[in-house]
N, C-alpha and C. Protein backbone atom coordinates (compact mmCIF):
# COMPACT_ATOMS: atom_id res chain seq x y z
N UNK A 1 -12.91 134.06 68.83
CA UNK A 1 -13.34 135.39 68.60
C UNK A 1 -11.97 136.23 68.06
N UNK A 2 -12.14 136.93 67.03
CA UNK A 2 -10.96 137.60 66.45
C UNK A 2 -11.24 139.35 66.74
N UNK A 3 -10.22 139.75 67.42
CA UNK A 3 -10.39 141.26 67.77
C UNK A 3 -9.68 142.13 66.63
N UNK A 4 -10.20 143.26 66.55
CA UNK A 4 -9.66 144.32 65.58
C UNK A 4 -8.90 145.18 66.42
N UNK A 5 -7.50 145.34 66.08
CA UNK A 5 -6.65 146.40 66.67
C UNK A 5 -7.21 147.85 66.56
N UNK A 6 -6.85 148.64 67.40
CA UNK A 6 -7.18 150.19 67.21
C UNK A 6 -6.38 150.90 66.20
N UNK A 7 -5.12 150.29 65.94
CA UNK A 7 -4.29 150.94 65.06
C UNK A 7 -3.56 149.90 64.05
N UNK A 8 -3.10 150.44 62.97
CA UNK A 8 -2.37 149.51 61.89
C UNK A 8 -1.20 150.11 61.57
N UNK A 9 -0.40 149.35 60.74
CA UNK A 9 0.85 150.01 60.22
C UNK A 9 0.45 150.73 59.03
N UNK A 10 1.29 151.68 58.68
CA UNK A 10 1.12 152.55 57.45
C UNK A 10 2.40 152.64 56.75
N UNK A 11 2.30 152.69 55.36
CA UNK A 11 3.49 152.82 54.56
C UNK A 11 3.46 154.39 54.17
N UNK A 12 4.62 155.03 54.47
CA UNK A 12 4.76 156.46 54.11
C UNK A 12 5.79 156.69 52.98
N UNK A 13 5.71 157.72 52.30
CA UNK A 13 6.68 158.12 51.32
C UNK A 13 7.12 159.50 51.59
N UNK A 14 8.53 159.63 51.91
CA UNK A 14 9.08 160.78 52.15
C UNK A 14 8.85 161.95 51.05
N UNK A 15 8.37 163.03 51.36
CA UNK A 15 8.28 164.10 50.32
C UNK A 15 9.51 164.62 49.78
N UNK A 16 10.52 164.46 50.59
CA UNK A 16 11.89 165.01 50.16
C UNK A 16 12.69 164.11 49.25
N UNK A 17 12.93 162.94 49.68
CA UNK A 17 13.67 161.88 48.95
C UNK A 17 13.01 160.77 48.32
N UNK A 18 11.59 160.66 48.59
CA UNK A 18 10.78 159.58 48.01
C UNK A 18 11.16 158.17 48.64
N UNK A 19 11.90 158.09 49.81
CA UNK A 19 12.06 156.94 50.41
C UNK A 19 10.74 156.32 51.02
N UNK A 20 10.44 155.06 51.01
CA UNK A 20 9.19 154.51 51.57
C UNK A 20 9.63 153.83 52.79
N UNK A 21 8.80 153.97 53.84
CA UNK A 21 9.00 153.64 55.18
C UNK A 21 7.76 153.11 55.88
N UNK A 22 7.76 152.02 56.59
CA UNK A 22 6.63 151.46 57.26
C UNK A 22 6.73 151.96 58.81
N UNK A 23 5.63 152.56 59.16
CA UNK A 23 5.40 152.95 60.62
C UNK A 23 4.31 152.44 61.26
N UNK A 24 4.13 152.39 62.61
CA UNK A 24 2.96 152.13 63.35
C UNK A 24 2.01 153.38 63.17
N UNK A 25 0.73 153.12 63.04
CA UNK A 25 -0.22 154.14 62.94
C UNK A 25 -0.27 155.14 63.95
N UNK A 26 -0.03 154.72 65.21
CA UNK A 26 -0.15 155.68 66.41
C UNK A 26 1.21 155.68 66.98
N UNK A 27 2.08 156.67 66.42
CA UNK A 27 3.50 156.73 66.92
C UNK A 27 3.62 157.38 68.34
N UNK A 28 4.71 156.92 69.05
CA UNK A 28 4.86 157.41 70.33
C UNK A 28 5.94 158.46 70.45
N UNK A 29 6.69 158.57 69.47
CA UNK A 29 7.79 159.50 69.33
C UNK A 29 7.93 160.08 67.73
N UNK A 30 8.53 161.07 67.59
CA UNK A 30 8.71 161.57 66.18
C UNK A 30 9.47 160.60 65.34
N UNK A 31 8.88 160.41 64.01
CA UNK A 31 9.55 159.59 63.13
C UNK A 31 10.18 160.41 62.05
N UNK A 32 11.50 160.02 62.02
CA UNK A 32 12.21 160.74 60.74
C UNK A 32 12.45 159.70 59.56
N UNK A 33 12.68 160.32 58.45
CA UNK A 33 13.12 159.44 57.37
C UNK A 33 14.54 158.84 57.62
N UNK A 34 14.65 157.64 57.24
CA UNK A 34 15.91 156.94 57.61
C UNK A 34 17.06 157.36 56.55
N UNK A 35 16.55 157.91 55.34
CA UNK A 35 17.51 158.39 54.45
C UNK A 35 18.03 159.89 54.61
N UNK A 36 16.97 160.73 54.60
CA UNK A 36 17.37 162.14 54.73
C UNK A 36 17.07 162.88 55.88
N UNK A 37 16.31 162.29 56.86
CA UNK A 37 16.19 162.95 58.16
C UNK A 37 14.89 163.72 58.22
N UNK A 38 14.23 163.88 57.17
CA UNK A 38 12.81 164.68 57.15
C UNK A 38 11.95 164.08 58.16
N UNK A 39 11.17 164.80 58.79
CA UNK A 39 10.08 164.34 59.73
C UNK A 39 8.82 163.83 58.96
N UNK A 40 8.54 162.48 59.25
CA UNK A 40 7.43 161.92 58.59
C UNK A 40 6.17 161.85 59.43
N UNK A 41 6.31 161.67 60.73
CA UNK A 41 5.09 161.77 61.57
C UNK A 41 5.52 162.08 62.90
N UNK A 42 4.50 162.80 63.72
CA UNK A 42 4.64 163.18 65.18
C UNK A 42 3.55 162.79 65.90
N UNK A 43 3.79 162.40 67.21
CA UNK A 43 2.61 162.02 68.20
C UNK A 43 1.86 163.31 68.55
N UNK A 44 0.48 163.20 68.57
CA UNK A 44 -0.34 164.23 69.11
C UNK A 44 -1.47 163.60 69.93
N UNK A 45 -1.34 163.57 71.24
CA UNK A 45 -2.52 163.08 72.23
C UNK A 45 -3.00 161.77 71.76
N UNK A 46 -2.44 160.70 71.57
CA UNK A 46 -2.75 159.44 71.18
C UNK A 46 -2.99 159.12 69.73
N UNK A 47 -2.75 160.15 68.92
CA UNK A 47 -3.04 159.98 67.41
C UNK A 47 -1.53 160.55 66.89
N UNK A 48 -1.55 160.29 65.53
CA UNK A 48 -0.45 160.60 64.81
C UNK A 48 -0.64 161.75 63.85
N UNK A 49 0.22 162.62 63.78
CA UNK A 49 0.13 163.79 62.73
C UNK A 49 1.16 163.32 61.65
N UNK A 50 0.50 163.01 60.48
CA UNK A 50 1.42 162.54 59.29
C UNK A 50 1.74 163.61 58.46
N UNK A 51 3.02 163.97 58.29
CA UNK A 51 3.50 165.05 57.48
C UNK A 51 3.96 164.74 56.11
N UNK A 52 3.52 163.68 55.56
CA UNK A 52 3.88 163.18 54.27
C UNK A 52 2.81 162.42 53.71
N UNK A 53 3.10 161.75 52.53
CA UNK A 53 2.04 161.02 51.77
C UNK A 53 1.91 159.63 52.32
N UNK A 54 0.71 159.18 52.63
CA UNK A 54 0.50 157.82 52.95
C UNK A 54 0.14 156.97 51.73
N UNK A 55 0.94 155.98 51.52
CA UNK A 55 0.82 155.05 50.32
C UNK A 55 -0.11 153.93 50.60
N UNK A 56 -0.17 153.47 51.79
CA UNK A 56 -0.89 152.17 51.96
C UNK A 56 -1.17 152.01 53.50
N UNK A 57 -2.35 151.57 53.95
CA UNK A 57 -2.59 151.02 55.19
C UNK A 57 -2.42 149.44 55.24
N UNK A 58 -1.66 148.93 55.99
CA UNK A 58 -1.30 147.56 56.02
C UNK A 58 -2.12 146.86 57.13
N UNK A 59 -2.68 145.63 56.68
CA UNK A 59 -3.47 144.81 57.62
C UNK A 59 -2.64 144.04 58.61
């Protein structure tokens, strides 16, 4: 029996420097761009607030 996880990894693109970064869909702490430091996602009660463009949801 195969189970489906509640969250997936997502690929984000920084709106400031266009760097692409892969993060877990339900972040536990603030995620900043590794290149310029812009905030990409923040945790909010078990869900993530994404502050940039989502390019792809990865399986």
